[in-house]
Protein backbone atom coordinates (compact mmCIF):
# COMPACT_ATOMS: atom_id res chain seq x y z
CA MET A 1 -0.04 0.05 0.20
CA TRP A 2 2.55 2.90 0.67
CA HIS A 3 4.54 2.07 -2.20
CA LEU A 4 1.08 3.30 -4.31
CA LEU A 5 0.55 5.67 -1.53
CA SER A 6 3.78 7.50 -2.51
CA THR A 7 2.72 7.74 -6.03
CA HIS A 8 -1.03 8.03 -6.28
CA PRO A 9 -2.60 10.38 -3.87
CA VAL A 10 -5.32 8.08 -2.98
CA VAL A 11 -5.31 4.42 -2.50
CA CYS A 12 -8.10 1.18 -1.61
CA VAL A 13 -7.53 -1.21 0.76
CA GLU A 14 -10.29 -4.20 -0.05
CA PRO A 15 -11.85 -5.87 2.56
CA ALA A 16 -9.37 -8.62 1.98
CA GLY A 17 -6.15 -6.41 2.33
CA ALA A 18 -5.17 -6.16 -1.08
CA ALA A 19 -4.37 -2.53 -2.07
CA ARG A 20 -5.48 -1.13 -5.42
CA VAL A 21 -5.82 2.46 -7.17
CA GLY A 22 -8.28 2.96 -10.07
CA GLN A 23 -12.21 3.96 -9.67
CA ARG A 24 -12.81 5.94 -6.97
CA PRO A 25 -16.23 4.99 -4.81
CA GLY A 26 -19.58 7.75 -5.27
CA ALA A 27 -19.93 7.46 -1.28
CA ILE A 28 -17.74 7.10 0.95
CA LEU A 29 -16.99 8.13 5.23
CA PRO A 30 -14.32 9.62 6.48
CA GLY A 31 -12.62 9.15 9.76
CA SER A 32 -10.00 8.53 11.59
CA PHE A 33 -11.60 5.14 12.58
CA ASN A 34 -9.52 5.11 16.40
CA PRO A 35 -11.39 2.65 16.98
CA LEU A 36 -13.90 1.73 14.14
CA HIS A 37 -16.96 0.89 15.73
CA HIS A 38 -20.52 -0.13 14.59
CA GLY A 39 -21.92 3.85 14.95
CA HIS A 40 -18.85 4.16 11.84
CA THR A 41 -20.60 0.81 9.97
CA ARG A 42 -24.51 1.55 10.66
CA LEU A 43 -24.03 5.16 9.68
CA ALA A 44 -22.30 3.94 6.45
CA ALA A 45 -25.54 1.31 6.25
CA ALA A 46 -28.06 4.26 6.60
CA ALA A 47 -26.86 6.68 4.17
CA ALA A 48 -26.11 3.44 1.45
CA ALA A 49 -30.21 2.80 2.12
CA HIS A 50 -30.72 6.48 1.54
CA LEU A 51 -28.44 7.22 -1.46
CA GLY A 52 -28.54 3.79 -3.27
CA ALA A 53 -25.24 3.29 -3.18
CA GLU A 54 -22.19 1.09 -1.89
CA VAL A 55 -20.38 3.53 1.11
CA HIS A 56 -16.95 3.15 1.21
CA PHE A 57 -14.59 4.54 4.04
CA GLU A 58 -11.42 7.13 3.68
CA LEU A 59 -8.64 6.79 6.41
CA SER A 60 -6.75 10.44 5.42
CA VAL A 61 -2.62 10.01 7.18
CA VAL A 62 -3.14 13.71 7.75
CA ASN A 63 -6.25 15.73 9.85
CA ALA A 64 -6.98 19.66 10.56
CA ASP A 65 -6.55 19.06 14.62
CA LYS A 66 -3.73 16.47 14.69
CA SER A 67 -0.32 15.69 13.38
CA GLU A 68 0.43 13.02 10.64
CA LEU A 69 -0.62 9.51 11.50
CA PRO A 70 2.51 7.40 12.03
CA ARG A 71 3.09 4.26 9.10
CA ASP A 72 2.37 1.61 12.27
CA GLU A 73 -0.67 3.41 13.65
CA VAL A 74 -1.93 3.60 9.75
CA GLU A 75 -1.73 0.31 9.33
CA ARG A 76 -3.47 -0.67 12.80
CA ARG A 77 -6.35 1.33 11.76
CA LEU A 78 -6.68 -0.06 8.02
CA ALA A 79 -6.64 -3.53 10.35
CA GLN A 80 -9.99 -2.91 11.71
CA PHE A 81 -11.17 -3.25 8.37
CA VAL A 82 -9.92 -6.37 7.09
CA GLY A 83 -13.76 -7.85 6.00
CA VAL A 84 -16.05 -5.22 6.61
CA ALA A 85 -15.36 -2.59 3.84
CA PRO A 86 -12.78 -0.63 1.83
CA VAL A 87 -11.15 2.09 3.16
CA TRP A 88 -9.23 4.91 0.82
CA VAL A 89 -5.92 6.04 2.21
CA THR A 90 -5.11 9.82 1.28
CA ARG A 91 -3.72 12.46 2.39
CA ALA A 92 -6.54 15.16 2.29
CA ALA A 93 -7.20 16.96 5.65
CA THR A 94 -9.74 18.88 4.56
CA PHE A 95 -13.31 18.72 2.77
CA ASP A 96 -12.15 20.78 -0.19
CA ALA A 97 -8.99 18.34 -0.87
CA LYS A 98 -11.29 15.04 -0.26
CA ALA A 99 -13.53 16.94 -3.30
CA ASP A 100 -10.45 17.10 -5.30
CA LEU A 101 -10.10 13.31 -4.81
CA PHE A 102 -13.78 12.24 -5.25
CA PRO A 103 -15.83 14.50 -7.37
CA GLY A 104 -19.00 13.79 -7.25
CA ALA A 105 -18.96 11.60 -4.03
CA ALA A 106 -21.41 12.03 -1.11
CA PHE A 107 -19.00 12.42 1.75
CA VAL A 108 -21.07 10.69 4.78
CA LEU A 109 -20.41 12.28 8.77
CA GLY A 110 -21.81 12.46 11.72
CA TRP A 111 -23.69 16.36 13.24
CA ASP A 112 -20.12 16.88 14.97
CA THR A 113 -17.61 16.57 11.81
CA ALA A 114 -20.34 18.31 9.87
CA VAL A 115 -20.35 21.42 12.40
CA ARG A 116 -16.66 21.51 12.11
CA VAL A 117 -16.73 21.55 8.16
CA ILE A 118 -18.68 24.90 8.31
CA ASP A 119 -16.93 26.19 10.99
CA PRO A 120 -14.40 29.79 9.79
CA LYS A 121 -11.58 28.60 12.03
CA TYR A 122 -10.93 26.17 9.92
CA TYR A 123 -10.60 28.21 7.03
CA GLY A 124 -9.26 31.46 8.52
CA GLY A 125 -12.37 32.75 7.48
CA GLU A 126 -16.00 33.13 6.91
CA ALA A 127 -15.28 34.52 3.00
CA ALA A 128 -12.74 31.15 3.18
CA ARG A 129 -15.21 28.68 4.30
CA ASP A 130 -17.76 29.39 1.83
CA ALA A 131 -15.14 29.43 -1.17
CA ALA A 132 -14.78 25.75 0.23
CA LEU A 133 -18.63 25.20 0.58
CA ARG A 134 -18.76 26.18 -3.47
CA LYS A 135 -15.99 24.29 -4.23
CA LEU A 136 -17.77 21.18 -2.72
CA LEU A 137 -20.63 21.95 -4.60
CA ASP A 138 -18.53 22.87 -8.01
CA ARG A 139 -17.06 19.27 -7.43
CA GLY A 140 -20.67 18.07 -7.61
CA CYS A 141 -19.88 16.95 -4.03
CA ARG A 142 -22.66 16.97 -1.43
CA LEU A 143 -22.64 15.92 2.37
CA VAL A 144 -24.76 13.42 4.26
CA ILE A 145 -25.12 13.97 8.29
CA GLY A 146 -26.21 11.59 10.03
CA GLY A 147 -27.05 12.80 13.96
CA ARG A 148 -24.94 12.38 17.17
CA VAL A 149 -25.08 13.15 20.30
CA ASP A 150 -23.61 16.43 21.18
CA ALA A 151 -21.71 17.10 24.40
CA GLY A 152 -24.52 18.53 26.36
CA GLY A 153 -25.97 14.99 26.18
CA ALA A 154 -28.80 15.91 23.22
CA PHE A 155 -28.79 13.82 20.21
CA ARG A 156 -28.79 16.54 17.38
CA THR A 157 -29.86 16.33 13.46
CA TRP A 158 -28.84 18.60 10.85
CA ASP A 159 -30.83 22.02 10.68
CA ALA A 160 -31.76 23.14 7.21
CA ASP A 161 -31.64 26.38 8.06
CA THR A 162 -27.95 25.79 8.98
CA LEU A 163 -26.06 27.67 6.14
CA ALA A 164 -29.30 28.23 3.86
CA GLU A 165 -26.98 29.34 1.10
CA PHE A 166 -25.24 26.29 0.65
CA ALA A 167 -28.79 23.88 1.36
CA GLU A 168 -28.10 21.44 -1.44
CA LEU A 169 -24.76 20.63 -0.10
CA PHE A 170 -26.46 19.13 3.12
CA VAL A 171 -28.25 15.96 3.25
CA PRO A 172 -29.36 15.38 6.24
CA LEU A 173 -30.18 11.81 7.67
CA THR A 174 -33.24 11.71 10.61
CA GLU A 175 -33.52 10.41 13.93
CA ALA A 176 -35.43 7.38 12.54
CA ASP A 177 -32.80 7.02 9.58
CA PHE A 178 -29.77 6.36 12.13
CA ARG A 179 -28.70 6.47 15.72
CA ALA A 180 -25.93 5.05 17.61
CA ASP A 181 -25.14 6.55 20.32
CA VAL A 182 -21.38 5.79 20.42
CA SER A 183 -18.21 7.67 20.49
CA SER A 184 -14.94 6.76 19.75
CA THR A 185 -13.39 8.87 22.44
CA GLU A 186 -15.21 7.38 24.67
CA LEU A 187 -14.43 4.04 24.03
CA ARG A 188 -10.95 4.45 24.31
CA ARG A 189 -11.13 5.80 27.45
CA LYS A 190 -12.67 2.77 28.14
């Protein structure tokens, strides 16, 4: 996999462990998967049912909030997907960078990640954030958003009035579509 990633911006690791490059998926769930849990797989299944398309996963070795993952940690996280689903390995830390790699894709994410996607602090201000969201639209991408429990314990789904100017970008799932009250952070604490 590493030799491919040194010459290609995105590499797919199949459920049996083989690495490849080539045709990219139409729906993808990005995450750090530390650890992979039933919330991730159930969100992928709910989005697949909603979209009528298989959802793959994406693990970026770089992240907007964290340092680059070491090779052994990437391999540990990839091992969780053996027999589960294809996972695409990238160096795309932001969603506008992901849109360049997966044009036309539906990115599947939880409410908490969607809140970060629209947070101007990750872009250096609202104008740059809006430019990044326009880029997602221009690339034909969508953000499919599953609900999550917030820090206060309330279950939150995407509010259609949030950034109404970009409403066509967001595809909210209802609580009936998906709910899994699980958190990688909480699982690591245990």
